[in-house]
């Protein structure tokens, strides 16, 4: 499945409105948005978004939102959440995830190019 280009456009517009300096990179079958070389959020090739969050907040976010822990190669990844497209129909639903992912990625040391 290819990533949702409309969702990617919405992520791009929300991030730009927040003044977030994002780079884009195709990865994991989707389109990733990076801050300082760190993945913040991606329009996932599996649908919806993959969001990087503080690992200490993962369990609470899974309990209180529609997000689920991301699983890669059969392993749960703390600090990586999936949010299904159905929970992102409106920009008001998507924007908090974009802000959360961008803020966490910006808090990490920048990666060397």
N, C-alpha and C. Protein backbone atom coordinates (compact mmCIF):
# COMPACT_ATOMS: atom_id res chain seq x y z
N UNK A 1 0.85 -1.18 0.00
CA UNK A 1 0.00 0.00 0.00
C UNK A 1 0.89 1.25 0.00
N UNK A 2 0.61 2.18 -0.86
CA UNK A 2 1.34 3.44 -0.89
C UNK A 2 0.80 4.37 0.18
N UNK A 3 1.61 5.31 0.60
CA UNK A 3 1.15 6.25 1.61
C UNK A 3 0.12 7.21 1.01
N UNK A 4 -0.67 7.81 1.88
CA UNK A 4 -1.73 8.74 1.49
C UNK A 4 -1.11 10.11 1.22
N UNK A 5 -1.07 10.49 -0.05
CA UNK A 5 -0.44 11.77 -0.43
C UNK A 5 -1.19 12.97 0.14
N UNK A 6 -2.51 12.87 0.24
CA UNK A 6 -3.27 13.97 0.83
C UNK A 6 -2.92 14.14 2.31
N UNK A 7 -2.75 13.04 3.01
CA UNK A 7 -2.34 13.09 4.41
C UNK A 7 -0.95 13.71 4.54
N UNK A 8 -0.05 13.32 3.65
CA UNK A 8 1.30 13.91 3.65
C UNK A 8 1.24 15.42 3.42
N UNK A 9 0.39 15.86 2.49
CA UNK A 9 0.22 17.30 2.24
C UNK A 9 -0.29 18.01 3.48
N UNK A 10 -1.23 17.38 4.18
CA UNK A 10 -1.78 17.99 5.40
C UNK A 10 -0.71 18.09 6.49
N UNK A 11 0.11 17.05 6.63
CA UNK A 11 1.21 17.10 7.60
C UNK A 11 2.14 18.25 7.26
N UNK A 12 2.49 18.35 5.99
CA UNK A 12 3.40 19.40 5.51
C UNK A 12 2.84 20.80 5.83
N UNK A 13 1.54 21.01 5.57
CA UNK A 13 0.92 22.31 5.81
C UNK A 13 0.83 22.63 7.30
N UNK A 14 0.48 21.66 8.11
CA UNK A 14 0.39 21.89 9.55
C UNK A 14 1.76 22.22 10.11
N UNK A 15 2.77 21.46 9.71
CA UNK A 15 4.13 21.72 10.19
C UNK A 15 4.61 23.09 9.76
N UNK A 16 4.33 23.48 8.52
CA UNK A 16 4.74 24.80 8.03
C UNK A 16 4.06 25.91 8.82
N UNK A 17 2.78 25.73 9.14
CA UNK A 17 2.05 26.74 9.92
C UNK A 17 2.64 26.88 11.33
N UNK A 18 3.23 25.80 11.84
CA UNK A 18 3.86 25.81 13.16
C UNK A 18 5.30 26.33 13.08
N UNK A 19 5.80 26.53 11.86
CA UNK A 19 7.17 27.00 11.68
C UNK A 19 8.20 25.89 11.85
N UNK A 20 7.77 24.64 11.75
CA UNK A 20 8.68 23.51 11.93
C UNK A 20 9.52 23.29 10.67
N UNK A 21 10.85 23.27 10.83
CA UNK A 21 11.74 23.03 9.68
C UNK A 21 11.87 21.55 9.40
N UNK A 22 11.05 21.02 8.52
CA UNK A 22 11.06 19.59 8.24
C UNK A 22 11.76 19.26 6.94
N UNK A 23 12.46 18.14 6.96
CA UNK A 23 12.99 17.55 5.73
C UNK A 23 12.10 16.33 5.45
N UNK A 24 12.01 15.95 4.20
CA UNK A 24 11.19 14.81 3.81
C UNK A 24 12.06 13.70 3.25
N UNK A 25 11.66 12.46 3.57
CA UNK A 25 12.42 11.31 3.09
C UNK A 25 11.48 10.11 2.95
N UNK A 26 11.55 9.44 1.83
CA UNK A 26 10.77 8.21 1.66
C UNK A 26 11.41 7.13 2.52
N UNK A 27 10.58 6.49 3.35
CA UNK A 27 11.07 5.43 4.23
C UNK A 27 9.93 4.55 4.69
N UNK A 28 10.21 3.29 4.96
CA UNK A 28 9.23 2.35 5.48
C UNK A 28 7.97 2.29 4.61
N UNK A 29 8.07 2.53 3.33
CA UNK A 29 6.92 2.51 2.45
C UNK A 29 6.05 3.75 2.55
N UNK A 30 6.53 4.74 3.26
CA UNK A 30 5.78 5.98 3.44
C UNK A 30 6.65 7.19 3.19
N UNK A 31 6.19 8.32 3.66
CA UNK A 31 6.95 9.57 3.55
C UNK A 31 7.19 10.11 4.94
N UNK A 32 8.46 10.11 5.34
CA UNK A 32 8.84 10.58 6.66
C UNK A 32 9.16 12.07 6.67
N UNK A 33 8.84 12.70 7.78
CA UNK A 33 9.15 14.11 8.00
C UNK A 33 10.12 14.16 9.17
N UNK A 34 11.31 14.75 8.92
CA UNK A 34 12.39 14.71 9.88
C UNK A 34 12.76 16.10 10.38
N UNK A 35 13.20 16.15 11.62
CA UNK A 35 13.73 17.36 12.23
C UNK A 35 15.15 17.02 12.67
N UNK A 36 16.13 17.73 12.15
CA UNK A 36 17.51 17.46 12.51
C UNK A 36 17.93 16.03 12.21
N UNK A 37 17.35 15.44 11.19
CA UNK A 37 17.67 14.07 10.81
C UNK A 37 16.91 13.01 11.59
N UNK A 38 16.10 13.42 12.55
CA UNK A 38 15.30 12.50 13.37
C UNK A 38 13.87 12.46 12.87
N UNK A 39 13.34 11.24 12.68
CA UNK A 39 11.97 11.10 12.22
C UNK A 39 11.01 11.65 13.27
N UNK A 40 10.11 12.51 12.84
CA UNK A 40 9.10 13.10 13.73
C UNK A 40 7.75 12.42 13.51
N UNK A 41 7.36 12.34 12.25
CA UNK A 41 6.07 11.76 11.87
C UNK A 41 6.17 11.30 10.43
N UNK A 42 5.39 10.30 10.08
CA UNK A 42 5.40 9.80 8.70
C UNK A 42 3.99 9.48 8.26
N UNK A 43 3.71 9.80 7.02
CA UNK A 43 2.50 9.29 6.37
C UNK A 43 2.86 7.86 6.03
N UNK A 44 2.25 6.92 6.72
CA UNK A 44 2.65 5.53 6.66
C UNK A 44 2.15 4.81 5.42
N UNK A 45 2.97 3.92 4.90
CA UNK A 45 2.56 3.07 3.80
C UNK A 45 1.51 2.05 4.23
N UNK A 46 1.31 1.90 5.54
CA UNK A 46 0.29 1.01 6.09
C UNK A 46 -1.00 1.76 6.38
N UNK A 47 -1.03 3.05 6.03
CA UNK A 47 -2.19 3.89 6.32
C UNK A 47 -1.97 4.65 7.62
N UNK A 48 -2.60 5.81 7.72
CA UNK A 48 -2.46 6.62 8.92
C UNK A 48 -1.06 7.18 9.05
N UNK A 49 -0.67 7.45 10.31
CA UNK A 49 0.65 8.01 10.56
C UNK A 49 1.43 7.17 11.57
N UNK A 50 2.73 7.30 11.48
CA UNK A 50 3.67 6.77 12.45
C UNK A 50 4.26 8.00 13.12
N UNK A 51 4.14 8.08 14.44
CA UNK A 51 4.57 9.27 15.18
C UNK A 51 5.61 8.90 16.21
N UNK A 52 6.66 9.68 16.30
CA UNK A 52 7.67 9.49 17.34
C UNK A 52 7.29 10.33 18.54
N UNK A 53 7.24 9.68 19.70
CA UNK A 53 6.86 10.36 20.94
C UNK A 53 7.84 9.99 22.04
N UNK A 54 7.79 10.73 23.12
CA UNK A 54 8.59 10.40 24.29
C UNK A 54 8.20 8.99 24.76
N UNK A 55 9.15 8.06 24.84
CA UNK A 55 8.81 6.70 25.27
C UNK A 55 8.11 6.65 26.63
N UNK A 56 8.39 7.60 27.49
CA UNK A 56 7.74 7.64 28.80
C UNK A 56 6.26 7.98 28.70
N UNK A 57 5.82 8.55 27.57
CA UNK A 57 4.42 8.92 27.37
C UNK A 57 3.64 7.89 26.55
N UNK A 58 4.34 6.90 25.98
CA UNK A 58 3.70 5.94 25.07
C UNK A 58 2.50 5.25 25.70
N UNK A 59 2.67 4.65 26.87
CA UNK A 59 1.59 3.89 27.49
C UNK A 59 0.37 4.76 27.75
N UNK A 60 0.60 5.97 28.24
CA UNK A 60 -0.52 6.87 28.52
C UNK A 60 -1.24 7.27 27.24
N UNK A 61 -0.50 7.55 26.19
CA UNK A 61 -1.12 7.93 24.92
C UNK A 61 -1.92 6.77 24.33
N UNK A 62 -1.44 5.56 24.47
CA UNK A 62 -2.19 4.40 23.97
C UNK A 62 -3.48 4.24 24.77
N UNK A 63 -3.42 4.49 26.07
CA UNK A 63 -4.62 4.38 26.92
C UNK A 63 -5.65 5.47 26.64
N UNK A 64 -5.19 6.67 26.29
CA UNK A 64 -6.10 7.82 26.23
C UNK A 64 -6.43 8.32 24.83
N UNK A 65 -5.87 7.68 23.79
CA UNK A 65 -6.12 8.10 22.41
C UNK A 65 -6.41 6.85 21.56
N UNK A 66 -6.52 7.07 20.27
CA UNK A 66 -6.73 5.95 19.35
C UNK A 66 -5.41 5.32 18.89
N UNK A 67 -4.30 5.83 19.37
CA UNK A 67 -2.98 5.35 18.95
C UNK A 67 -2.71 3.95 19.48
N UNK A 68 -1.90 3.22 18.72
CA UNK A 68 -1.40 1.91 19.14
C UNK A 68 0.11 1.93 19.05
N UNK A 69 0.75 1.06 19.80
CA UNK A 69 2.21 0.97 19.74
C UNK A 69 2.59 0.39 18.38
N UNK A 70 3.57 0.99 17.74
CA UNK A 70 4.05 0.50 16.45
C UNK A 70 4.78 -0.82 16.65
N UNK A 71 4.58 -1.73 15.71
CA UNK A 71 5.26 -3.02 15.75
C UNK A 71 6.05 -3.16 14.46
N UNK A 72 7.34 -3.42 14.60
CA UNK A 72 8.20 -3.64 13.44
C UNK A 72 8.94 -4.95 13.64
N UNK A 73 8.85 -5.80 12.64
CA UNK A 73 9.49 -7.12 12.69
C UNK A 73 9.08 -7.89 13.94
N UNK A 74 7.80 -7.78 14.29
CA UNK A 74 7.25 -8.52 15.40
C UNK A 74 7.58 -7.96 16.78
N UNK A 75 8.21 -6.80 16.82
CA UNK A 75 8.63 -6.21 18.09
C UNK A 75 7.95 -4.87 18.31
N UNK A 76 7.35 -4.69 19.51
CA UNK A 76 6.76 -3.39 19.86
C UNK A 76 7.87 -2.37 20.09
N UNK A 77 7.66 -1.18 19.55
CA UNK A 77 8.65 -0.12 19.69
C UNK A 77 8.11 0.99 20.58
N UNK A 78 8.61 1.06 21.81
CA UNK A 78 8.20 2.14 22.71
C UNK A 78 8.67 3.47 22.11
N UNK A 79 7.80 4.44 22.16
CA UNK A 79 8.14 5.75 21.61
C UNK A 79 7.72 5.93 20.16
N UNK A 80 7.16 4.88 19.57
CA UNK A 80 6.67 4.95 18.19
C UNK A 80 5.22 4.52 18.21
N UNK A 81 4.33 5.38 17.75
CA UNK A 81 2.91 5.08 17.76
C UNK A 81 2.33 5.15 16.36
N UNK A 82 1.33 4.31 16.13
CA UNK A 82 0.55 4.35 14.89
C UNK A 82 -0.82 4.94 15.21
N UNK A 83 -1.26 5.83 14.34
CA UNK A 83 -2.60 6.40 14.45
C UNK A 83 -3.28 6.14 13.12
N UNK A 84 -4.41 5.44 13.17
CA UNK A 84 -5.12 5.06 11.95
C UNK A 84 -5.73 6.28 11.26
N UNK A 85 -5.88 6.17 9.97
CA UNK A 85 -6.46 7.26 9.16
C UNK A 85 -7.83 7.70 9.67
N UNK A 86 -8.61 6.73 10.15
CA UNK A 86 -9.96 7.05 10.63
C UNK A 86 -9.95 8.08 11.75
N UNK A 87 -8.87 8.16 12.49
CA UNK A 87 -8.77 9.13 13.58
C UNK A 87 -8.11 10.43 13.17
N UNK A 88 -7.94 10.62 11.86
CA UNK A 88 -7.21 11.80 11.37
C UNK A 88 -7.96 12.55 10.28
N UNK A 89 -9.28 12.41 10.25
CA UNK A 89 -10.08 13.01 9.18
C UNK A 89 -9.98 14.53 9.15
N UNK A 90 -9.88 15.14 10.30
CA UNK A 90 -9.84 16.61 10.39
C UNK A 90 -8.45 17.07 10.81
N UNK A 91 -8.06 18.27 10.37
CA UNK A 91 -6.76 18.81 10.75
C UNK A 91 -6.65 18.96 12.27
N UNK A 92 -7.78 19.20 12.93
CA UNK A 92 -7.77 19.34 14.39
C UNK A 92 -7.40 18.02 15.07
N UNK A 93 -7.60 16.91 14.39
CA UNK A 93 -7.20 15.60 14.92
C UNK A 93 -5.73 15.30 14.59
N UNK A 94 -5.29 15.74 13.43
CA UNK A 94 -3.92 15.48 12.98
C UNK A 94 -2.91 16.41 13.63
N UNK A 95 -3.25 17.67 13.79
CA UNK A 95 -2.29 18.68 14.27
C UNK A 95 -1.62 18.32 15.60
N UNK A 96 -2.34 17.82 16.60
CA UNK A 96 -1.64 17.48 17.85
C UNK A 96 -0.58 16.39 17.67
N UNK A 97 -0.81 15.46 16.76
CA UNK A 97 0.19 14.42 16.50
C UNK A 97 1.40 15.00 15.79
N UNK A 98 1.16 15.90 14.84
CA UNK A 98 2.27 16.55 14.14
C UNK A 98 3.10 17.33 15.15
N UNK A 99 2.45 18.13 15.99
CA UNK A 99 3.16 18.94 16.99
C UNK A 99 3.94 18.04 17.96
N UNK A 100 3.32 16.97 18.41
CA UNK A 100 3.97 16.07 19.37
C UNK A 100 5.21 15.42 18.75
N UNK A 101 5.07 14.93 17.52
CA UNK A 101 6.21 14.29 16.85
C UNK A 101 7.33 15.27 16.58
N UNK A 102 6.99 16.46 16.10
CA UNK A 102 8.00 17.48 15.80
C UNK A 102 8.72 17.90 17.08
N UNK A 103 7.97 18.12 18.14
CA UNK A 103 8.57 18.55 19.41
C UNK A 103 9.54 17.49 19.94
N UNK A 104 9.14 16.23 19.88
CA UNK A 104 10.03 15.19 20.41
C UNK A 104 11.27 15.06 19.53
N UNK A 105 11.11 15.02 18.22
CA UNK A 105 12.27 14.90 17.32
C UNK A 105 13.22 16.08 17.50
N UNK A 106 12.66 17.28 17.72
CA UNK A 106 13.50 18.47 17.91
C UNK A 106 14.26 18.40 19.23
N UNK A 107 13.76 17.63 20.20
CA UNK A 107 14.43 17.53 21.50
C UNK A 107 15.64 16.59 21.45
N UNK A 108 15.78 15.84 20.38
CA UNK A 108 16.88 14.88 20.24
C UNK A 108 18.10 15.54 19.60
N UNK A 109 19.28 15.02 19.87
CA UNK A 109 20.47 15.57 19.20
C UNK A 109 20.33 15.39 17.69
N UNK A 110 20.72 16.41 16.95
CA UNK A 110 20.66 16.33 15.49
C UNK A 110 21.64 15.28 15.00
N UNK A 111 21.24 14.58 13.95
CA UNK A 111 22.10 13.56 13.35
C UNK A 111 23.00 14.24 12.34
N UNK A 112 24.20 13.71 12.21
CA UNK A 112 25.16 14.24 11.24
C UNK A 112 24.74 13.78 9.84
N UNK A 113 24.78 14.68 8.86
CA UNK A 113 24.41 14.29 7.48
C UNK A 113 25.35 13.28 6.89
